[in-house]
Amino acid sequence: MAQKIKKGDTVVVMRGRERGKTGEVIKVLTDENRIVVKNVNLVKKHVKEIPNLREGGIYEIEAPIHISNVMLLCPKCQKPTRVGIRTVMEGDTLRKYRYCKKCDENIDLVREKVRVKR
């Protein structure tokens, strides 16, 4: 099944202490149903120094947030929306699109498969 939120998407946090914040998806952890969003859910990590490699100290990093707590920000209508998958047959090609359920516009092409007739 096609993923509804991908790396590079802009999302809005809908639940939790970070509610209302907007950011870009840095990483998608599909096995855990979590995503990492830029400048959202920052935690402090104490890091030990490794000589000639990195400096020790307290670093702020983005922690993963559950994917159910965010919604995709539609690039067309600029509103948080649910995402659907639309399958369209165009000639000999089968195309899958992600689309906004509010404005019913295609967001991007997920997959394209050429069907060979025998």
PDB file of N, CA and C in Angstrom:
ATOM      1  N   MET A   1       0.839  -1.190   0.000  1.00  0.00           N
ATOM      2  CA  MET A   1       0.000   0.000   0.000  1.00  0.00           C
ATOM      3  C   MET A   1       0.877   1.244   0.000  1.00  0.00           C
ATOM      4  N   ALA A   2       0.442   2.264  -0.667  1.00  0.00           N
ATOM      5  CA  ALA A   2       1.206   3.508  -0.748  1.00  0.00           C
ATOM      6  C   ALA A   2       1.141   4.253   0.583  1.00  0.00           C
ATOM      7  N   GLN A   3       2.234   4.913   0.928  1.00  0.00           N
ATOM      8  CA  GLN A   3       2.259   5.672   2.168  1.00  0.00           C
ATOM      9  C   GLN A   3       1.567   7.007   1.981  1.00  0.00           C
ATOM     10  N   LYS A   4       0.891   7.452   3.019  1.00  0.00           N
ATOM     11  CA  LYS A   4       0.148   8.691   2.911  1.00  0.00           C
ATOM     12  C   LYS A   4       0.979   9.902   3.291  1.00  0.00           C
ATOM     13  N   ILE A   5       2.010   9.730   4.094  1.00  0.00           N
ATOM     14  CA  ILE A   5       2.922  10.824   4.434  1.00  0.00           C
ATOM     15  C   ILE A   5       4.328  10.377   4.088  1.00  0.00           C
ATOM     16  N   LYS A   6       5.053  11.237   3.359  1.00  0.00           N
ATOM     17  CA  LYS A   6       6.383  10.905   2.880  1.00  0.00           C
ATOM     18  C   LYS A   6       7.408  11.908   3.379  1.00  0.00           C
ATOM     19  N   LYS A   7       8.669  11.556   3.197  1.00  0.00           N
ATOM     20  CA  LYS A   7       9.761  12.460   3.504  1.00  0.00           C
ATOM     21  C   LYS A   7       9.650  13.685   2.600  1.00  0.00           C
ATOM     22  N   GLY A   8       9.801  14.859   3.189  1.00  0.00           N
ATOM     23  CA  GLY A   8       9.719  16.101   2.422  1.00  0.00           C
ATOM     24  C   GLY A   8       8.359  16.776   2.479  1.00  0.00           C
ATOM     25  N   ASP A   9       7.322  16.072   2.959  1.00  0.00           N
ATOM     26  CA  ASP A   9       5.991  16.664   3.092  1.00  0.00           C
ATOM     27  C   ASP A   9       5.976  17.677   4.229  1.00  0.00           C
ATOM     28  N   THR A  10       5.081  18.651   4.133  1.00  0.00           N
ATOM     29  CA  THR A  10       4.852  19.597   5.222  1.00  0.00           C
ATOM     30  C   THR A  10       3.634  19.112   5.995  1.00  0.00           C
ATOM     31  N   VAL A  11       3.800  18.977   7.316  1.00  0.00           N
ATOM     32  CA  VAL A  11       2.718  18.463   8.156  1.00  0.00           C
ATOM     33  C   VAL A  11       2.426  19.430   9.295  1.00  0.00           C
ATOM     34  N   VAL A  12       1.216  19.299   9.860  1.00  0.00           N
ATOM     35  CA  VAL A  12       0.789  20.077  11.011  1.00  0.00           C
ATOM     36  C   VAL A  12       0.534  19.103  12.150  1.00  0.00           C
ATOM     37  N   VAL A  13       1.068  19.401  13.336  1.00  0.00           N
ATOM     38  CA  VAL A  13       0.850  18.546  14.504  1.00  0.00           C
ATOM     39  C   VAL A  13      -0.524  18.870  15.078  1.00  0.00           C
ATOM     40  N   MET A  14      -1.358  17.842  15.237  1.00  0.00           N
ATOM     41  CA  MET A  14      -2.738  18.030  15.683  1.00  0.00           C
ATOM     42  C   MET A  14      -2.958  17.658  17.156  1.00  0.00           C
ATOM     43  N   ARG A  15      -2.094  16.826  17.736  1.00  0.00           N
ATOM     44  CA  ARG A  15      -2.252  16.357  19.109  1.00  0.00           C
ATOM     45  C   ARG A  15      -0.948  16.486  19.870  1.00  0.00           C
ATOM     46  N   GLY A  16      -1.053  16.591  21.190  1.00  0.00           N
ATOM     47  CA  GLY A  16       0.124  16.604  22.042  1.00  0.00           C
ATOM     48  C   GLY A  16       0.593  18.007  22.384  1.00  0.00           C
ATOM     49  N   ARG A  17       1.722  18.082  23.060  1.00  0.00           N
ATOM     50  CA  ARG A  17       2.227  19.372  23.535  1.00  0.00           C
ATOM     51  C   ARG A  17       2.744  20.252  22.408  1.00  0.00           C
ATOM     52  N   GLU A  18       2.997  19.677  21.250  1.00  0.00           N
ATOM     53  CA  GLU A  18       3.505  20.421  20.096  1.00  0.00           C
ATOM     54  C   GLU A  18       2.381  20.831  19.140  1.00  0.00           C
ATOM     55  N   ARG A  19       1.122  20.746  19.602  1.00  0.00           N
ATOM     56  CA  ARG A  19      -0.040  21.011  18.764  1.00  0.00           C
ATOM     57  C   ARG A  19       0.042  22.387  18.104  1.00  0.00           C
ATOM     58  N   GLY A  20      -0.253  22.413  16.792  1.00  0.00           N
ATOM     59  CA  GLY A  20      -0.259  23.671  16.055  1.00  0.00           C
ATOM     60  C   GLY A  20       1.025  23.965  15.301  1.00  0.00           C
ATOM     61  N   LYS A  21       2.096  23.266  15.624  1.00  0.00           N
ATOM     62  CA  LYS A  21       3.370  23.511  14.953  1.00  0.00           C
ATOM     63  C   LYS A  21       3.364  22.867  13.570  1.00  0.00           C
ATOM     64  N   THR A  22       4.093  23.500  12.661  1.00  0.00           N
ATOM     65  CA  THR A  22       4.203  23.020  11.292  1.00  0.00           C
ATOM     66  C   THR A  22       5.665  22.755  10.993  1.00  0.00           C
ATOM     67  N   GLY A  23       5.934  21.692  10.246  1.00  0.00           N
ATOM     68  CA  GLY A  23       7.313  21.389   9.892  1.00  0.00           C
ATOM     69  C   GLY A  23       7.395  20.399   8.752  1.00  0.00           C
ATOM     70  N   GLU A  24       8.621  20.219   8.286  1.00  0.00           N
ATOM     71  CA  GLU A  24       8.888  19.307   7.180  1.00  0.00           C
ATOM     72  C   GLU A  24       9.280  17.940   7.729  1.00  0.00           C
ATOM     73  N   VAL A  25       8.811  16.880   7.091  1.00  0.00           N
ATOM     74  CA  VAL A  25       9.130  15.523   7.506  1.00  0.00           C
ATOM     75  C   VAL A  25      10.575  15.216   7.098  1.00  0.00           C
ATOM     76  N   ILE A  26      11.406  14.847   8.082  1.00  0.00           N
ATOM     77  CA  ILE A  26      12.809  14.523   7.839  1.00  0.00           C
ATOM     78  C   ILE A  26      12.980  13.039   7.577  1.00  0.00           C
ATOM     79  N   LYS A  27      12.268  12.220   8.357  1.00  0.00           N
ATOM     80  CA  LYS A  27      12.432  10.770   8.270  1.00  0.00           C
ATOM     81  C   LYS A  27      11.105  10.095   8.573  1.00  0.00           C
ATOM     82  N   VAL A  28      10.828   8.985   7.886  1.00  0.00           N
ATOM     83  CA  VAL A  28       9.624   8.188   8.128  1.00  0.00           C
ATOM     84  C   VAL A  28      10.071   6.820   8.633  1.00  0.00           C
ATOM     85  N   LEU A  29       9.600   6.448   9.819  1.00  0.00           N
ATOM     86  CA  LEU A  29       9.916   5.144  10.410  1.00  0.00           C
ATOM     87  C   LEU A  29       8.685   4.253  10.224  1.00  0.00           C
ATOM     88  N   THR A  30       8.627   3.524   9.113  1.00  0.00           N
ATOM     89  CA  THR A  30       7.427   2.785   8.744  1.00  0.00           C
ATOM     90  C   THR A  30       7.113   1.635   9.696  1.00  0.00           C
ATOM     91  N   ASP A  31       8.132   0.968  10.227  1.00  0.00           N
ATOM     92  CA  ASP A  31       7.898  -0.172  11.122  1.00  0.00           C
ATOM     93  C   ASP A  31       7.249   0.264  12.432  1.00  0.00           C
ATOM     94  N   GLU A  32       7.550   1.494  12.870  1.00  0.00           N
ATOM     95  CA  GLU A  32       7.045   1.984  14.149  1.00  0.00           C
ATOM     96  C   GLU A  32       5.872   2.945  13.991  1.00  0.00           C
ATOM     97  N   ASN A  33       5.455   3.233  12.751  1.00  0.00           N
ATOM     98  CA  ASN A  33       4.394   4.209  12.469  1.00  0.00           C
ATOM     99  C   ASN A  33       4.701   5.571  13.074  1.00  0.00           C
ATOM    100  N   ARG A  34       5.937   6.003  12.943  1.00  0.00           N
ATOM    101  CA  ARG A  34       6.358   7.289  13.484  1.00  0.00           C
ATOM    102  C   ARG A  34       7.087   8.086  12.419  1.00  0.00           C
ATOM    103  N   ILE A  35       7.111   9.405  12.614  1.00  0.00           N
ATOM    104  CA  ILE A  35       7.857  10.277  11.711  1.00  0.00           C
ATOM    105  C   ILE A  35       8.671  11.261  12.540  1.00  0.00           C
ATOM    106  N   VAL A  36       9.729  11.794  11.941  1.00  0.00           N
ATOM    107  CA  VAL A  36      10.537  12.821  12.567  1.00  0.00           C
ATOM    108  C   VAL A  36      10.281  14.102  11.790  1.00  0.00           C
ATOM    109  N   VAL A  37       9.852  15.162  12.516  1.00  0.00           N
ATOM    110  CA  VAL A  37       9.509  16.435  11.897  1.00  0.00           C
ATOM    111  C   VAL A  37      10.518  17.483  12.342  1.00  0.00           C
ATOM    112  N   LYS A  38      10.982  18.304  11.401  1.00  0.00           N
ATOM    113  CA  LYS A  38      11.995  19.321  11.675  1.00  0.00           C
ATOM    114  C   LYS A  38      11.479  20.345  12.690  1.00  0.00           C
ATOM    115  N   ASN A  39      12.261  20.566  13.753  1.00  0.00           N
ATOM    116  CA  ASN A  39      11.980  21.529  14.828  1.00  0.00           C
ATOM    117  C   ASN A  39      10.687  21.240  15.598  1.00  0.00           C
ATOM    118  N   VAL A  40      10.273  19.985  15.651  1.00  0.00           N
ATOM    119  CA  VAL A  40       9.103  19.581  16.426  1.00  0.00           C
ATOM    120  C   VAL A  40       9.514  18.431  17.334  1.00  0.00           C
ATOM    121  N   ASN A  41       9.014  18.425  18.572  1.00  0.00           N
ATOM    122  CA  ASN A  41       9.297  17.381  19.562  1.00  0.00           C
ATOM    123  C   ASN A  41      10.797  17.300  19.856  1.00  0.00           C
ATOM    124  N   LEU A  42      11.381  18.452  20.179  1.00  0.00           N
ATOM    125  CA  LEU A  42      12.808  18.517  20.488  1.00  0.00           C
ATOM    126  C   LEU A  42      13.064  17.966  21.885  1.00  0.00           C
ATOM    127  N   VAL A  43      14.077  17.121  22.007  1.00  0.00           N
ATOM    128  CA  VAL A  43      14.491  16.579  23.299  1.00  0.00           C
ATOM    129  C   VAL A  43      15.987  16.819  23.458  1.00  0.00           C
ATOM    130  N   LYS A  44      16.426  16.855  24.706  1.00  0.00           N
ATOM    131  CA  LYS A  44      17.848  17.061  24.979  1.00  0.00           C
ATOM    132  C   LYS A  44      18.523  15.710  25.138  1.00  0.00           C
ATOM    133  N   LYS A  45      19.655  15.534  24.456  1.00  0.00           N
ATOM    134  CA  LYS A  45      20.398  14.287  24.515  1.00  0.00           C
ATOM    135  C   LYS A  45      21.804  14.590  25.001  1.00  0.00           C
ATOM    136  N   HIS A  46      22.217  13.874  26.046  1.00  0.00           N
ATOM    137  CA  HIS A  46      23.565  14.027  26.587  1.00  0.00           C
ATOM    138  C   HIS A  46      24.488  13.108  25.804  1.00  0.00           C
ATOM    139  N   VAL A  47      25.518  13.695  25.203  1.00  0.00           N
ATOM    140  CA  VAL A  47      26.405  12.954  24.320  1.00  0.00           C
ATOM    141  C   VAL A  47      27.818  13.001  24.864  1.00  0.00           C
ATOM    142  N   LYS A  48      28.441  11.846  24.932  1.00  0.00           N
ATOM    143  CA  LYS A  48      29.816  11.748  25.401  1.00  0.00           C
ATOM    144  C   LYS A  48      30.779  12.096  24.266  1.00  0.00           C
ATOM    145  N   GLU A  49      31.875  12.727  24.605  1.00  0.00           N
ATOM    146  CA  GLU A  49      32.853  13.116  23.600  1.00  0.00           C
ATOM    147  C   GLU A  49      33.594  11.903  23.058  1.00  0.00           C
ATOM    148  N   ILE A  50      33.812  11.912  21.752  1.00  0.00           N
ATOM    149  CA  ILE A  50      34.661  10.921  21.103  1.00  0.00           C
ATOM    150  C   ILE A  50      35.813  11.715  20.492  1.00  0.00           C
ATOM    151  N   PRO A  51      37.025  11.504  20.995  1.00  0.00           N
ATOM    152  CA  PRO A  51      38.160  12.308  20.521  1.00  0.00           C
ATOM    153  C   PRO A  51      38.323  12.223  18.999  1.00  0.00           C
ATOM    154  N   ASN A  52      38.619  13.349  18.390  1.00  0.00           N
ATOM    155  CA  ASN A  52      38.829  13.502  16.945  1.00  0.00           C
ATOM    156  C   ASN A  52      37.597  13.187  16.104  1.00  0.00           C
ATOM    157  N   LEU A  53      36.421  13.004  16.728  1.00  0.00           N
ATOM    158  CA  LEU A  53      35.216  12.698  15.968  1.00  0.00           C
ATOM    159  C   LEU A  53      34.090  13.680  16.266  1.00  0.00           C
ATOM    160  N   ARG A  54      33.725  13.815  17.545  1.00  0.00           N
ATOM    161  CA  ARG A  54      32.677  14.767  17.905  1.00  0.00           C
ATOM    162  C   ARG A  54      32.914  15.330  19.297  1.00  0.00           C
ATOM    163  N   GLU A  55      32.336  16.474  19.520  1.00  0.00           N
ATOM    164  CA  GLU A  55      32.442  17.154  20.796  1.00  0.00           C
ATOM    165  C   GLU A  55      31.303  16.697  21.695  1.00  0.00           C
ATOM    166  N   GLY A  56      31.575  16.521  22.961  1.00  0.00           N
ATOM    167  CA  GLY A  56      30.551  16.112  23.907  1.00  0.00           C
ATOM    168  C   GLY A  56      29.690  17.286  24.318  1.00  0.00           C
ATOM    169  N   GLY A  57      28.574  16.999  24.975  1.00  0.00           N
ATOM    170  CA  GLY A  57      27.706  18.062  25.458  1.00  0.00           C
ATOM    171  C   GLY A  57      26.252  17.648  25.411  1.00  0.00           C
ATOM    172  N   ILE A  58      25.397  18.658  25.539  1.00  0.00           N
ATOM    173  CA  ILE A  58      23.959  18.428  25.506  1.00  0.00           C
ATOM    174  C   ILE A  58      23.439  18.945  24.174  1.00  0.00           C
ATOM    175  N   TYR A  59      22.894  18.044  23.380  1.00  0.00           N
ATOM    176  CA  TYR A  59      22.381  18.379  22.057  1.00  0.00           C
ATOM    177  C   TYR A  59      20.866  18.318  22.059  1.00  0.00           C
ATOM    178  N   GLU A  60      20.226  19.198  21.278  1.00  0.00           N
ATOM    179  CA  GLU A  60      18.783  19.120  21.076  1.00  0.00           C
ATOM    180  C   GLU A  60      18.541  18.424  19.742  1.00  0.00           C
ATOM    181  N   ILE A  61      17.789  17.335  19.792  1.00  0.00           N
ATOM    182  CA  ILE A  61      17.478  16.596  18.572  1.00  0.00           C
ATOM    183  C   ILE A  61      15.963  16.419  18.456  1.00  0.00           C
ATOM    184  N   GLU A  62      15.508  16.131  17.249  1.00  0.00           N
ATOM    185  CA  GLU A  62      14.091  15.873  17.031  1.00  0.00           C
ATOM    186  C   GLU A  62      13.795  14.410  17.345  1.00  0.00           C
ATOM    187  N   ALA A  63      12.804  14.188  18.193  1.00  0.00           N
ATOM    188  CA  ALA A  63      12.388  12.828  18.522  1.00  0.00           C
ATOM    189  C   ALA A  63      11.212  12.444  17.618  1.00  0.00           C
ATOM    190  N   PRO A  64      11.023  11.149  17.361  1.00  0.00           N
ATOM    191  CA  PRO A  64       9.896  10.719  16.514  1.00  0.00           C
ATOM    192  C   PRO A  64       8.550  11.008  17.173  1.00  0.00           C
ATOM    193  N   ILE A  65       7.566  11.285  16.351  1.00  0.00           N
ATOM    194  CA  ILE A  65       6.196  11.528  16.801  1.00  0.00           C
ATOM    195  C   ILE A  65       5.301  10.544  16.051  1.00  0.00           C
ATOM    196  N   HIS A  66       4.237  10.085  16.687  1.00  0.00           N
ATOM    197  CA  HIS A  66       3.367   9.098  16.037  1.00  0.00           C
ATOM    198  C   HIS A  66       2.666   9.723  14.837  1.00  0.00           C
ATOM    199  N   ILE A  67       2.557   8.946  13.780  1.00  0.00           N
ATOM    200  CA  ILE A  67       2.023   9.447  12.515  1.00  0.00           C
ATOM    201  C   ILE A  67       0.547   9.822  12.621  1.00  0.00           C
ATOM    202  N   SER A  68      -0.173   9.263  13.584  1.00  0.00           N
ATOM    203  CA  SER A  68      -1.589   9.584  13.743  1.00  0.00           C
ATOM    204  C   SER A  68      -1.800  10.957  14.363  1.00  0.00           C
ATOM    205  N   ASN A  69      -0.752  11.555  14.900  1.00  0.00           N
ATOM    206  CA  ASN A  69      -0.866  12.860  15.535  1.00  0.00           C
ATOM    207  C   ASN A  69      -0.588  14.019  14.588  1.00  0.00           C
ATOM    208  N   VAL A  70      -0.349  13.734  13.317  1.00  0.00           N
ATOM    209  CA  VAL A  70      -0.086  14.791  12.353  1.00  0.00           C
ATOM    210  C   VAL A  70      -1.020  14.665  11.156  1.00  0.00           C
ATOM    211  N   MET A  71      -1.209  15.781  10.451  1.00  0.00           N
ATOM    212  CA  MET A  71      -1.981  15.787   9.213  1.00  0.00           C
ATOM    213  C   MET A  71      -1.170  16.509   8.153  1.00  0.00           C
ATOM    214  N   LEU A  72      -1.304  16.046   6.933  1.00  0.00           N
ATOM    215  CA  LEU A  72      -0.606  16.656   5.811  1.00  0.00           C
ATOM    216  C   LEU A  72      -1.186  18.036   5.527  1.00  0.00           C
ATOM    217  N   LEU A  73      -0.307  19.012   5.270  1.00  0.00           N
ATOM    218  CA  LEU A  73      -0.737  20.338   4.869  1.00  0.00           C
ATOM    219  C   LEU A  73      -0.829  20.340   3.345  1.00  0.00           C
ATOM    220  N   CYS A  74      -2.039  20.502   2.830  1.00  0.00           N
ATOM    221  CA  CYS A  74      -2.264  20.432   1.381  1.00  0.00           C
ATOM    222  C   CYS A  74      -1.527  21.579   0.691  1.00  0.00           C
ATOM    223  N   PRO A  75      -0.724  21.277  -0.340  1.00  0.00           N
ATOM    224  CA  PRO A  75      -0.012  22.340  -1.037  1.00  0.00           C
ATOM    225  C   PRO A  75      -0.934  23.264  -1.844  1.00  0.00           C
ATOM    226  N   LYS A  76      -2.129  22.800  -2.184  1.00  0.00           N
ATOM    227  CA  LYS A  76      -3.057  23.604  -2.987  1.00  0.00           C
ATOM    228  C   LYS A  76      -3.916  24.530  -2.118  1.00  0.00           C
ATOM    229  N   CYS A  77      -4.601  23.952  -1.110  1.00  0.00           N
ATOM    230  CA  CYS A  77      -5.533  24.752  -0.301  1.00  0.00           C
ATOM    231  C   CYS A  77      -4.932  25.231   1.014  1.00  0.00           C
ATOM    232  N   GLN A  78      -3.707  24.797   1.339  1.00  0.00           N
ATOM    233  CA  GLN A  78      -2.983  25.222   2.552  1.00  0.00           C
ATOM    234  C   GLN A  78      -3.764  24.934   3.834  1.00  0.00           C
ATOM    235  N   LYS A  79      -4.478  23.806   3.871  1.00  0.00           N
ATOM    236  CA  LYS A  79      -5.205  23.393   5.070  1.00  0.00           C
ATOM    237  C   LYS A  79      -4.776  21.989   5.445  1.00  0.00           C
ATOM    238  N   PRO A  80      -4.802  21.662   6.759  1.00  0.00           N
ATOM    239  CA  PRO A  80      -4.526  20.281   7.158  1.00  0.00           C
ATOM    240  C   PRO A  80      -5.635  19.380   6.626  1.00  0.00           C
ATOM    241  N   THR A  81      -5.239  18.254   6.047  1.00  0.00           N
ATOM    242  CA  THR A  81      -6.231  17.407   5.399  1.00  0.00           C
ATOM    243  C   THR A  81      -5.885  15.941   5.544  1.00  0.00           C
ATOM    244  N   ARG A  82      -6.889  15.109   5.362  1.00  0.00           N
ATOM    245  CA  ARG A  82      -6.656  13.684   5.249  1.00  0.00           C
ATOM    246  C   ARG A  82      -6.220  13.408   3.824  1.00  0.00           C
ATOM    247  N   VAL A  83      -5.514  12.312   3.635  1.00  0.00           N
ATOM    248  CA  VAL A  83      -4.967  11.983   2.330  1.00  0.00           C
ATOM    249  C   VAL A  83      -5.598  10.693   1.841  1.00  0.00           C
ATOM    250  N   GLY A  84      -5.963  10.675   0.575  1.00  0.00           N
ATOM    251  CA  GLY A  84      -6.510   9.480  -0.039  1.00  0.00           C
ATOM    252  C   GLY A  84      -5.619   9.028  -1.183  1.00  0.00           C
ATOM    253  N   ILE A  85      -5.831   7.805  -1.627  1.00  0.00           N
ATOM    254  CA  ILE A  85      -5.105   7.265  -2.763  1.00  0.00           C
ATOM    255  C   ILE A  85      -6.110   7.042  -3.890  1.00  0.00           C
ATOM    256  N   ARG A  86      -5.817   7.598  -5.053  1.00  0.00           N
ATOM    257  CA  ARG A  86      -6.698   7.491  -6.212  1.00  0.00           C
ATOM    258  C   ARG A  86      -5.961   6.723  -7.304  1.00  0.00           C
ATOM    259  N   THR A  87      -6.606   5.696  -7.865  1.00  0.00           N
ATOM    260  CA  THR A  87      -6.035   4.913  -8.948  1.00  0.00           C
ATOM    261  C   THR A  87      -6.720   5.305 -10.248  1.00  0.00           C
ATOM    262  N   VAL A  88      -5.910   5.691 -11.233  1.00  0.00           N
ATOM    263  CA  VAL A  88      -6.435   6.155 -12.512  1.00  0.00           C
ATOM    264  C   VAL A  88      -5.795   5.342 -13.634  1.00  0.00           C
ATOM    265  N   MET A  89      -6.618   4.872 -14.559  1.00  0.00           N
ATOM    266  CA  MET A  89      -6.116   4.154 -15.722  1.00  0.00           C
ATOM    267  C   MET A  89      -6.069   5.135 -16.882  1.00  0.00           C
ATOM    268  N   GLU A  90      -4.859   5.441 -17.366  1.00  0.00           N
ATOM    269  CA  GLU A  90      -4.683   6.383 -18.467  1.00  0.00           C
ATOM    270  C   GLU A  90      -3.995   5.642 -19.618  1.00  0.00           C
ATOM    271  N   GLY A  91      -4.783   5.225 -20.579  1.00  0.00           N
ATOM    272  CA  GLY A  91      -4.242   4.447 -21.700  1.00  0.00           C
ATOM    273  C   GLY A  91      -3.774   3.091 -21.212  1.00  0.00           C
ATOM    274  N   ASP A  92      -2.491   2.802 -21.404  1.00  0.00           N
ATOM    275  CA  ASP A  92      -1.920   1.529 -20.946  1.00  0.00           C
ATOM    276  C   ASP A  92      -1.225   1.647 -19.596  1.00  0.00           C
ATOM    277  N   THR A  93      -1.282   2.806 -18.980  1.00  0.00           N
ATOM    278  CA  THR A  93      -0.576   2.994 -17.710  1.00  0.00           C
ATOM    279  C   THR A  93      -1.559   3.123 -16.559  1.00  0.00           C
ATOM    280  N   LEU A  94      -1.197   2.491 -15.461  1.00  0.00           N
ATOM    281  CA  LEU A  94      -1.973   2.556 -14.236  1.00  0.00           C
ATOM    282  C   LEU A  94      -1.232   3.494 -13.293  1.00  0.00           C
ATOM    283  N   ARG A  95      -1.869   4.595 -12.893  1.00  0.00           N
ATOM    284  CA  ARG A  95      -1.217   5.587 -12.047  1.00  0.00           C
ATOM    285  C   ARG A  95      -1.947   5.716 -10.720  1.00  0.00           C
ATOM    286  N   LYS A  96      -1.174   5.820  -9.637  1.00  0.00           N
ATOM    287  CA  LYS A  96      -1.725   6.048  -8.312  1.00  0.00           C
ATOM    288  C   LYS A  96      -1.316   7.441  -7.860  1.00  0.00           C
ATOM    289  N   TYR A  97      -2.296   8.221  -7.419  1.00  0.00           N
ATOM    290  CA  TYR A  97      -2.055   9.572  -6.941  1.00  0.00           C
ATOM    291  C   TYR A  97      -2.460   9.686  -5.479  1.00  0.00           C
ATOM    292  N   ARG A  98      -1.738  10.535  -4.733  1.00  0.00           N
ATOM    293  CA  ARG A  98      -2.226  10.962  -3.424  1.00  0.00           C
ATOM    294  C   ARG A  98      -3.077  12.199  -3.679  1.00  0.00           C
ATOM    295  N   TYR A  99      -4.221  12.303  -2.995  1.00  0.00           N
ATOM    296  CA  TYR A  99      -5.052  13.480  -3.198  1.00  0.00           C
ATOM    297  C   TYR A  99      -5.593  14.015  -1.880  1.00  0.00           C
ATOM    298  N   CYS A 100      -5.885  15.311  -1.880  1.00  0.00           N
ATOM    299  CA  CYS A 100      -6.435  16.018  -0.717  1.00  0.00           C
ATOM    300  C   CYS A 100      -7.924  15.737  -0.643  1.00  0.00           C
ATOM    301  N   LYS A 101      -8.403  15.309   0.518  1.00  0.00           N
ATOM    302  CA  LYS A 101      -9.818  14.982   0.646  1.00  0.00           C
ATOM    303  C   LYS A 101     -10.676  16.229   0.861  1.00  0.00           C
ATOM    304  N   LYS A 102     -10.050  17.400   1.100  1.00  0.00           N
ATOM    305  CA  LYS A 102     -10.822  18.633   1.249  1.00  0.00           C
ATOM    306  C   LYS A 102     -11.094  19.293  -0.093  1.00  0.00           C
ATOM    307  N   CYS A 103     -10.029  19.491  -0.879  1.00  0.00           N
ATOM    308  CA  CYS A 103     -10.209  20.195  -2.157  1.00  0.00           C
ATOM    309  C   CYS A 103     -10.240  19.237  -3.347  1.00  0.00           C
ATOM    310  N   ASP A 104     -10.054  17.946  -3.119  1.00  0.00           N
ATOM    311  CA  ASP A 104     -10.129  16.902  -4.140  1.00  0.00           C
ATOM    312  C   ASP A 104      -9.111  17.099  -5.265  1.00  0.00           C
ATOM    313  N   GLU A 105      -7.954  17.687  -4.948  1.00  0.00           N
ATOM    314  CA  GLU A 105      -6.889  17.905  -5.927  1.00  0.00           C
ATOM    315  C   GLU A 105      -5.788  16.867  -5.721  1.00  0.00           C
ATOM    316  N   ASN A 106      -5.153  16.430  -6.810  1.00  0.00           N
ATOM    317  CA  ASN A 106      -4.027  15.507  -6.707  1.00  0.00           C
ATOM    318  C   ASN A 106      -2.835  16.224  -6.089  1.00  0.00           C
ATOM    319  N   ILE A 107      -2.166  15.544  -5.146  1.00  0.00           N
ATOM    320  CA  ILE A 107      -0.978  16.098  -4.511  1.00  0.00           C
ATOM    321  C   ILE A 107       0.257  15.704  -5.302  1.00  0.00           C
ATOM    322  N   ASP A 108       0.430  14.413  -5.524  1.00  0.00           N
ATOM    323  CA  ASP A 108       1.559  13.952  -6.327  1.00  0.00           C
ATOM    324  C   ASP A 108       1.324  12.526  -6.811  1.00  0.00           C
ATOM    325  N   LEU A 109       2.171  12.116  -7.734  1.00  0.00           N
ATOM    326  CA  LEU A 109       2.108  10.770  -8.289  1.00  0.00           C
ATOM    327  C   LEU A 109       2.858   9.824  -7.361  1.00  0.00           C
ATOM    328  N   VAL A 110       2.190   8.766  -6.930  1.00  0.00           N
ATOM    329  CA  VAL A 110       2.809   7.798  -6.033  1.00  0.00           C
ATOM    330  C   VAL A 110       3.498   6.701  -6.830  1.00  0.00           C
ATOM    331  N   ARG A 111       2.794   6.156  -7.821  1.00  0.00           N
ATOM    332  CA  ARG A 111       3.315   5.008  -8.550  1.00  0.00           C
ATOM    333  C   ARG A 111       2.759   4.990  -9.968  1.00  0.00           C
ATOM    334  N   GLU A 112       3.579   4.538 -10.883  1.00  0.00           N
ATOM    335  CA  GLU A 112       3.146   4.405 -12.270  1.00  0.00           C
ATOM    336  C   GLU A 112       3.540   3.022 -12.755  1.00  0.00           C
ATOM    337  N   LYS A 113       2.603   2.315 -13.334  1.00  0.00           N
ATOM    338  CA  LYS A 113       2.866   0.961 -13.795  1.00  0.00           C
ATOM    339  C   LYS A 113       2.342   0.827 -15.224  1.00  0.00           C
ATOM    340  N   VAL A 114       3.208   0.418 -16.113  1.00  0.00           N
ATOM    341  CA  VAL A 114       2.832   0.240 -17.515  1.00  0.00           C
ATOM    342  C   VAL A 114       2.337  -1.191 -17.693  1.00  0.00           C
ATOM    343  N   ARG A 115       1.151  -1.336 -18.249  1.00  0.00           N
ATOM    344  CA  ARG A 115       0.573  -2.652 -18.469  1.00  0.00           C
ATOM    345  C   ARG A 115       0.850  -3.062 -19.906  1.00  0.00           C
ATOM    346  N   VAL A 116       1.367  -4.254 -20.066  1.00  0.00           N
ATOM    347  CA  VAL A 116       1.689  -4.772 -21.397  1.00  0.00           C
ATOM    348  C   VAL A 116       0.551  -5.664 -21.854  1.00  0.00           C
ATOM    349  N   LYS A 117       0.049  -5.403 -23.061  1.00  0.00           N
ATOM    350  CA  LYS A 117      -1.004  -6.236 -23.620  1.00  0.00           C
ATOM    351  C   LYS A 117      -0.386  -7.398 -24.356  1.00  0.00           C
ATOM    352  N   ARG A 118      -0.948  -8.588 -24.172  1.00  0.00           N
ATOM    353  CA  ARG A 118      -0.420  -9.798 -24.828  1.00  0.00           C
ATOM    354  C   ARG A 118      -1.360 -10.317 -25.859  1.00  0.00           C
TER     355      ARG A 118
END
